[in-house]
Amino acid sequence: MKSGDLLYGNREASVQFVHPIHFRLTRVLDWITYDGWIWLDGYQLNARGDAVARRSIFVQKSGLRVAPPPAIGKPGRQRRRT
């Protein structure tokens, strides 16, 4: 994992994720933890890929998934004003 990675966290990563989240990683903290667990700093993203909250999360590394880039919808058809 490296800065800028987009991750997907759900119950497999930690019980704190009642609802799954997309997370943009800024850094992996080198704090001593339980075996297989890590602390991550980054930003929680909304469905459009915009950062909505800065977070530090404590997760099981084996439960994290690399997420595809957020699906940003195509611009809608513009209506002409008359």
N, C-alpha and C. Protein backbone atom coordinates (compact mmCIF):
# COMPACT_ATOMS: atom_id res chain seq x y z
N MET A 1 0.83 -1.17 0.00
CA MET A 1 0.00 0.00 0.00
C MET A 1 0.88 1.24 0.00
N LYS A 2 0.44 2.21 -0.77
CA LYS A 2 1.19 3.46 -0.85
C LYS A 2 0.23 4.64 -0.90
N SER A 3 0.77 5.81 -0.62
CA SER A 3 -0.02 7.03 -0.62
C SER A 3 -0.74 7.18 -1.96
N GLY A 4 -2.01 7.54 -1.89
CA GLY A 4 -2.80 7.72 -3.10
C GLY A 4 -3.65 6.52 -3.46
N ASP A 5 -3.38 5.36 -2.86
CA ASP A 5 -4.18 4.17 -3.16
C ASP A 5 -5.63 4.39 -2.73
N LEU A 6 -6.55 3.86 -3.50
CA LEU A 6 -7.96 3.89 -3.18
C LEU A 6 -8.33 2.53 -2.62
N LEU A 7 -8.85 2.51 -1.39
CA LEU A 7 -9.17 1.26 -0.71
C LEU A 7 -10.65 1.18 -0.42
N TYR A 8 -11.12 -0.05 -0.25
CA TYR A 8 -12.51 -0.32 0.08
C TYR A 8 -12.51 -1.03 1.42
N GLY A 9 -13.19 -0.46 2.40
CA GLY A 9 -13.27 -1.07 3.73
C GLY A 9 -14.68 -1.49 4.05
N ASN A 10 -14.83 -2.73 4.52
CA ASN A 10 -16.13 -3.21 4.95
C ASN A 10 -15.93 -4.03 6.23
N ARG A 11 -16.91 -4.83 6.60
CA ARG A 11 -16.83 -5.61 7.84
C ARG A 11 -15.64 -6.56 7.89
N GLU A 12 -15.14 -6.99 6.73
CA GLU A 12 -13.97 -7.87 6.71
C GLU A 12 -12.74 -7.15 7.24
N ALA A 13 -12.68 -5.83 7.04
CA ALA A 13 -11.54 -5.05 7.49
C ALA A 13 -11.68 -4.64 8.95
N SER A 14 -12.90 -4.31 9.38
CA SER A 14 -13.12 -3.88 10.76
C SER A 14 -14.61 -3.79 11.04
N VAL A 15 -14.97 -4.07 12.28
CA VAL A 15 -16.38 -3.97 12.66
C VAL A 15 -16.87 -2.53 12.68
N GLN A 16 -15.94 -1.56 12.63
CA GLN A 16 -16.36 -0.16 12.62
C GLN A 16 -17.10 0.23 11.34
N PHE A 17 -16.96 -0.59 10.30
CA PHE A 17 -17.59 -0.26 9.03
C PHE A 17 -18.96 -0.94 8.93
N VAL A 18 -19.95 -0.33 9.57
CA VAL A 18 -21.32 -0.81 9.47
C VAL A 18 -21.75 -0.67 8.01
N HIS A 19 -21.34 0.45 7.41
CA HIS A 19 -21.55 0.67 5.98
C HIS A 19 -20.17 0.74 5.35
N PRO A 20 -19.96 0.05 4.23
CA PRO A 20 -18.64 0.08 3.57
C PRO A 20 -18.24 1.50 3.18
N ILE A 21 -16.92 1.74 3.13
CA ILE A 21 -16.43 3.05 2.73
C ILE A 21 -15.35 2.92 1.68
N HIS A 22 -15.21 3.98 0.91
CA HIS A 22 -14.06 4.14 0.03
C HIS A 22 -13.11 5.09 0.75
N PHE A 23 -11.82 4.80 0.66
CA PHE A 23 -10.83 5.50 1.46
C PHE A 23 -9.60 5.78 0.61
N ARG A 24 -9.19 7.06 0.54
CA ARG A 24 -7.97 7.44 -0.18
C ARG A 24 -6.85 7.51 0.85
N LEU A 25 -5.86 6.65 0.70
CA LEU A 25 -4.77 6.53 1.65
C LEU A 25 -3.77 7.67 1.51
N THR A 26 -3.41 8.30 2.63
CA THR A 26 -2.34 9.30 2.61
C THR A 26 -1.07 8.74 3.20
N ARG A 27 -1.21 7.89 4.26
CA ARG A 27 -0.01 7.25 4.81
C ARG A 27 -0.39 6.08 5.70
N VAL A 28 0.54 5.14 5.78
CA VAL A 28 0.42 4.01 6.70
C VAL A 28 1.21 4.39 7.94
N LEU A 29 0.56 4.39 9.09
CA LEU A 29 1.22 4.76 10.33
C LEU A 29 2.05 3.58 10.85
N ASP A 30 3.19 3.87 11.42
CA ASP A 30 4.08 2.80 11.87
C ASP A 30 3.91 2.50 13.36
N TRP A 31 2.69 2.61 13.84
CA TRP A 31 2.40 2.33 15.24
C TRP A 31 2.38 0.82 15.48
N ILE A 32 2.78 0.42 16.67
CA ILE A 32 2.78 -1.00 17.04
C ILE A 32 1.33 -1.42 17.30
N THR A 33 0.92 -2.51 16.65
CA THR A 33 -0.47 -2.98 16.78
C THR A 33 -0.46 -4.50 16.90
N TYR A 34 -1.64 -5.07 16.93
CA TYR A 34 -1.79 -6.51 16.92
C TYR A 34 -1.35 -7.05 15.56
N ASP A 35 -0.93 -8.29 15.54
CA ASP A 35 -0.48 -8.91 14.30
C ASP A 35 -1.59 -8.90 13.26
N GLY A 36 -1.29 -8.37 12.07
CA GLY A 36 -2.26 -8.33 10.98
C GLY A 36 -3.10 -7.07 10.94
N TRP A 37 -2.97 -6.20 11.94
CA TRP A 37 -3.74 -4.96 12.00
C TRP A 37 -2.82 -3.77 11.70
N ILE A 38 -3.38 -2.71 11.10
CA ILE A 38 -2.61 -1.52 10.78
C ILE A 38 -3.46 -0.26 10.98
N TRP A 39 -2.77 0.85 11.22
CA TRP A 39 -3.41 2.16 11.28
C TRP A 39 -3.14 2.88 9.96
N LEU A 40 -4.18 3.47 9.39
CA LEU A 40 -4.06 4.21 8.13
C LEU A 40 -4.62 5.61 8.30
N ASP A 41 -3.97 6.58 7.69
CA ASP A 41 -4.47 7.95 7.62
C ASP A 41 -4.94 8.19 6.19
N GLY A 42 -6.02 8.95 6.06
CA GLY A 42 -6.50 9.28 4.73
C GLY A 42 -7.83 9.98 4.77
N TYR A 43 -8.55 9.86 3.67
CA TYR A 43 -9.83 10.55 3.50
C TYR A 43 -10.91 9.58 3.08
N GLN A 44 -12.05 9.68 3.74
CA GLN A 44 -13.22 8.93 3.32
C GLN A 44 -13.81 9.65 2.12
N LEU A 45 -14.20 8.89 1.10
CA LEU A 45 -14.72 9.46 -0.13
C LEU A 45 -16.21 9.18 -0.28
N ASN A 46 -16.90 10.10 -0.95
CA ASN A 46 -18.31 9.86 -1.26
C ASN A 46 -18.40 9.11 -2.59
N ALA A 47 -19.61 8.90 -3.09
CA ALA A 47 -19.82 8.13 -4.32
C ALA A 47 -19.18 8.77 -5.54
N ARG A 48 -18.99 10.09 -5.52
CA ARG A 48 -18.35 10.78 -6.65
C ARG A 48 -16.84 10.80 -6.56
N GLY A 49 -16.29 10.35 -5.43
CA GLY A 49 -14.85 10.35 -5.26
C GLY A 49 -14.31 11.59 -4.57
N ASP A 50 -15.21 12.42 -4.03
CA ASP A 50 -14.81 13.62 -3.30
C ASP A 50 -14.52 13.28 -1.84
N ALA A 51 -13.47 13.85 -1.28
CA ALA A 51 -13.16 13.65 0.13
C ALA A 51 -14.22 14.32 0.99
N VAL A 52 -14.79 13.57 1.93
CA VAL A 52 -15.82 14.12 2.79
C VAL A 52 -15.41 14.15 4.26
N ALA A 53 -14.37 13.38 4.63
CA ALA A 53 -13.92 13.37 6.02
C ALA A 53 -12.49 12.84 6.09
N ARG A 54 -11.67 13.50 6.91
CA ARG A 54 -10.32 13.00 7.16
C ARG A 54 -10.43 11.99 8.29
N ARG A 55 -9.79 10.82 8.11
CA ARG A 55 -9.93 9.76 9.10
C ARG A 55 -8.62 9.03 9.32
N SER A 56 -8.48 8.49 10.53
CA SER A 56 -7.47 7.50 10.84
C SER A 56 -8.25 6.24 11.16
N ILE A 57 -7.94 5.15 10.48
CA ILE A 57 -8.70 3.92 10.67
C ILE A 57 -7.77 2.79 11.10
N PHE A 58 -8.28 1.91 11.93
CA PHE A 58 -7.56 0.75 12.44
C PHE A 58 -8.21 -0.47 11.81
N VAL A 59 -7.49 -1.17 10.95
CA VAL A 59 -8.09 -2.23 10.14
C VAL A 59 -7.20 -3.46 10.06
N GLN A 60 -7.83 -4.58 9.70
CA GLN A 60 -7.09 -5.78 9.39
C GLN A 60 -6.64 -5.66 7.94
N LYS A 61 -5.37 -5.75 7.73
CA LYS A 61 -4.82 -5.59 6.38
C LYS A 61 -5.44 -6.59 5.42
N SER A 62 -5.66 -7.82 5.88
CA SER A 62 -6.21 -8.86 5.00
C SER A 62 -7.65 -8.58 4.57
N GLY A 63 -8.36 -7.70 5.30
CA GLY A 63 -9.75 -7.40 4.96
C GLY A 63 -9.93 -6.24 4.01
N LEU A 64 -8.87 -5.48 3.76
CA LEU A 64 -8.97 -4.34 2.84
C LEU A 64 -8.91 -4.81 1.40
N ARG A 65 -9.58 -4.10 0.54
CA ARG A 65 -9.56 -4.39 -0.90
C ARG A 65 -9.16 -3.12 -1.64
N VAL A 66 -8.43 -3.30 -2.73
CA VAL A 66 -8.15 -2.16 -3.61
C VAL A 66 -9.43 -1.89 -4.37
N ALA A 67 -9.84 -0.64 -4.38
CA ALA A 67 -11.11 -0.27 -5.00
C ALA A 67 -10.87 0.31 -6.38
N PRO A 68 -11.80 0.08 -7.30
CA PRO A 68 -11.69 0.74 -8.60
C PRO A 68 -11.97 2.23 -8.42
N PRO A 69 -11.51 3.05 -9.34
CA PRO A 69 -11.81 4.48 -9.24
C PRO A 69 -13.31 4.71 -9.19
N PRO A 70 -13.76 5.74 -8.46
CA PRO A 70 -15.19 6.00 -8.38
C PRO A 70 -15.78 6.26 -9.75
N ALA A 71 -17.00 5.78 -9.94
CA ALA A 71 -17.68 5.99 -11.22
C ALA A 71 -18.24 7.40 -11.23
N ILE A 72 -17.64 8.24 -12.03
CA ILE A 72 -18.13 9.61 -12.17
C ILE A 72 -19.02 9.62 -13.40
N GLY A 73 -20.27 9.95 -13.18
CA GLY A 73 -21.24 9.91 -14.27
C GLY A 73 -20.90 10.85 -15.41
N LYS A 74 -21.38 10.47 -16.58
CA LYS A 74 -21.20 11.33 -17.74
C LYS A 74 -22.07 12.56 -17.56
N PRO A 75 -21.61 13.69 -18.05
CA PRO A 75 -22.44 14.88 -17.91
C PRO A 75 -23.79 14.66 -18.58
N GLY A 76 -24.81 15.15 -17.92
CA GLY A 76 -26.16 15.01 -18.48
C GLY A 76 -26.35 15.89 -19.70
N ARG A 77 -27.37 15.60 -20.40
CA ARG A 77 -27.68 16.39 -21.59
C ARG A 77 -28.15 17.76 -21.15
N GLN A 78 -27.60 18.77 -21.69
CA GLN A 78 -27.97 20.13 -21.33
C GLN A 78 -29.22 20.54 -22.07
N ARG A 79 -30.15 21.13 -21.33
CA ARG A 79 -31.36 21.65 -21.98
C ARG A 79 -31.09 23.06 -22.45
N ARG A 80 -31.59 23.35 -23.60
CA ARG A 80 -31.43 24.69 -24.13
C ARG A 80 -32.55 25.58 -23.60
N ARG A 81 -32.18 26.73 -23.07
CA ARG A 81 -33.20 27.66 -22.59
C ARG A 81 -33.67 28.51 -23.76
N THR A 82 -34.97 28.67 -23.80
CA THR A 82 -35.54 29.49 -24.88
C THR A 82 -36.23 30.70 -24.35
